[in-house]
Amino acid sequence: MRTGKGPLLLLVMAFVLLAVTACGQSASTDSGSASSPAGSKADAKPTLIYKQSCASCHAVDLSGKVGPSLQEIGSKLSEEEIYEAISSGRPGMPPFEKRLKTEEIQALAAWLANHTAADEGADQ
């Protein structure tokens, strides 16, 4: 009896589809919170946006999952570069310009830009 590669191929395709769609889905906001250098109430909105739009790929603590770690993104990219990446997307990352308002992308980019190597030691 011949066993085909069909079931394995189907399983691999299902996993890829799940991984791709998870990046655009809302993340659970029940437990844990993304690290915040400032830790103020002003960070509540970008933190919520991050949890709902980014955490499924970048993890609630910004450590990375399907997408790369964002824990020190402010040391690597400027606020404008972060804004552009969120708005237009990058290879492996969907654009959010139609999913988020301009003000939300701006707030999220500013919040992420504050995550630098110097700030990470203080968060932990």
Protein backbone atom coordinates (compact mmCIF):
# COMPACT_ATOMS: atom_id res chain seq x y z
CA MET A 1 0.00 0.00 0.00
CA ARG A 2 1.35 3.39 -0.97
CA THR A 3 1.23 6.26 1.51
CA GLY A 4 1.34 9.66 -0.12
CA LYS A 5 2.83 12.88 1.02
CA GLY A 6 -0.60 14.48 0.96
CA PRO A 7 -1.31 14.46 4.71
CA LEU A 8 2.13 15.88 5.52
CA LEU A 9 1.80 18.58 2.87
CA LEU A 10 -1.65 19.47 4.17
CA LEU A 11 -0.31 19.75 7.72
CA VAL A 12 2.57 22.00 6.64
CA MET A 13 0.25 24.23 4.61
CA ALA A 14 -2.15 24.53 7.55
CA PHE A 15 0.71 25.56 9.86
CA VAL A 16 1.96 28.20 7.40
CA LEU A 17 -1.54 29.60 6.98
CA LEU A 18 -2.02 29.74 10.74
CA ALA A 19 1.32 31.51 11.26
CA VAL A 20 0.61 34.10 8.56
CA THR A 21 -2.90 34.90 9.76
CA ALA A 22 -1.86 35.07 13.42
CA CYS A 23 0.32 38.11 12.73
CA GLY A 24 -2.72 40.20 11.91
CA GLN A 25 -5.02 38.90 14.63
CA SER A 26 -5.68 40.45 18.00
CA ALA A 27 -3.69 39.14 20.92
CA SER A 28 -5.18 38.27 24.28
CA THR A 29 -5.03 41.14 26.74
CA ASP A 30 -5.72 39.18 29.90
CA SER A 31 -2.40 38.56 31.67
CA GLY A 32 1.02 40.12 31.44
CA SER A 33 1.94 43.42 29.90
CA ALA A 34 4.46 44.67 27.42
CA SER A 35 7.40 46.37 29.05
CA SER A 36 7.19 50.13 29.22
CA PRO A 37 10.22 52.35 29.85
CA ALA A 38 8.10 55.21 31.17
CA GLY A 39 5.42 53.11 32.86
CA SER A 40 2.90 55.97 32.83
CA LYS A 41 -0.82 56.04 32.04
CA ALA A 42 0.09 57.77 28.77
CA ASP A 43 1.57 54.43 27.71
CA ALA A 44 -1.76 52.64 28.19
CA LYS A 45 -3.09 53.32 24.68
CA PRO A 46 0.05 52.27 22.74
CA THR A 47 0.41 49.28 25.06
CA LEU A 48 -3.16 48.21 24.29
CA ILE A 49 -2.62 48.76 20.55
CA TYR A 50 0.56 46.68 20.77
CA LYS A 51 -1.20 43.85 22.60
CA GLN A 52 -4.09 43.82 20.12
CA SER A 53 -2.10 44.21 16.89
CA CYS A 54 1.50 43.15 17.46
CA ALA A 55 1.85 40.74 20.37
CA SER A 56 0.65 37.70 18.44
CA CYS A 57 3.85 37.89 16.36
CA HIS A 58 6.25 39.83 18.59
CA ALA A 59 5.16 38.47 22.04
CA VAL A 60 3.53 40.44 24.84
CA ASP A 61 6.96 41.20 26.36
CA LEU A 62 8.38 42.24 22.94
CA SER A 63 10.78 39.26 22.99
CA GLY A 64 9.69 37.98 19.57
CA LYS A 65 7.83 34.90 18.35
CA VAL A 66 7.07 34.64 14.65
CA GLY A 67 8.37 38.20 14.29
CA PRO A 68 11.65 39.55 15.67
CA SER A 69 12.24 40.92 19.16
CA LEU A 70 11.28 44.56 19.61
CA GLN A 71 12.82 44.92 23.08
CA GLU A 72 15.59 47.25 21.86
CA ILE A 73 13.98 48.48 18.63
CA GLY A 74 14.52 52.12 19.60
CA SER A 75 18.30 51.51 19.50
CA LYS A 76 18.04 50.15 15.96
CA LEU A 77 15.39 52.25 14.22
CA SER A 78 14.21 55.85 14.51
CA GLU A 79 10.61 56.66 15.37
CA GLU A 80 10.02 57.53 11.70
CA GLU A 81 11.46 54.20 10.53
CA ILE A 82 9.30 52.34 13.04
CA TYR A 83 6.24 54.29 11.85
CA GLU A 84 7.00 53.37 8.23
CA ALA A 85 7.51 49.69 9.11
CA ILE A 86 4.16 49.55 10.93
CA SER A 87 2.29 51.51 8.30
CA SER A 88 3.71 49.92 5.13
CA GLY A 89 4.86 46.57 6.49
CA ARG A 90 8.12 44.74 5.91
CA PRO A 91 9.04 41.36 4.46
CA GLY A 92 7.08 38.87 6.57
CA MET A 93 5.04 41.63 8.25
CA PRO A 94 1.70 42.91 6.94
CA PRO A 95 1.01 46.66 6.61
CA PHE A 96 -1.22 48.16 9.27
CA GLU A 97 -2.12 51.43 7.49
CA LYS A 98 -5.67 50.16 6.86
CA ARG A 99 -6.05 48.41 10.22
CA LEU A 100 -4.91 51.24 12.52
CA LYS A 101 -5.55 54.98 12.50
CA THR A 102 -2.63 57.29 11.72
CA GLU A 103 -2.68 58.53 15.33
CA GLU A 104 -2.51 54.95 16.63
CA ILE A 105 0.48 54.15 14.42
CA GLN A 106 2.17 57.38 15.56
CA ALA A 107 1.57 56.57 19.24
CA LEU A 108 2.78 52.99 18.79
CA ALA A 109 5.90 54.13 16.88
CA ALA A 110 6.75 56.69 19.59
CA TRP A 111 6.23 54.09 22.33
CA LEU A 112 8.39 51.49 20.57
CA ALA A 113 11.10 54.09 19.82
CA ASN A 114 11.50 54.51 23.60
CA HIS A 115 12.50 50.84 23.91
CA THR A 116 16.27 51.08 23.78
CA ALA A 117 19.14 48.97 25.09
CA ALA A 118 19.58 51.41 27.99
CA ASP A 119 15.91 51.07 28.99
CA GLU A 120 15.81 47.28 28.95
CA GLY A 121 17.98 46.89 32.05
CA ALA A 122 15.61 49.09 34.03
CA ASP A 123 12.54 47.07 32.98
CA GLN A 124 13.75 43.77 34.37
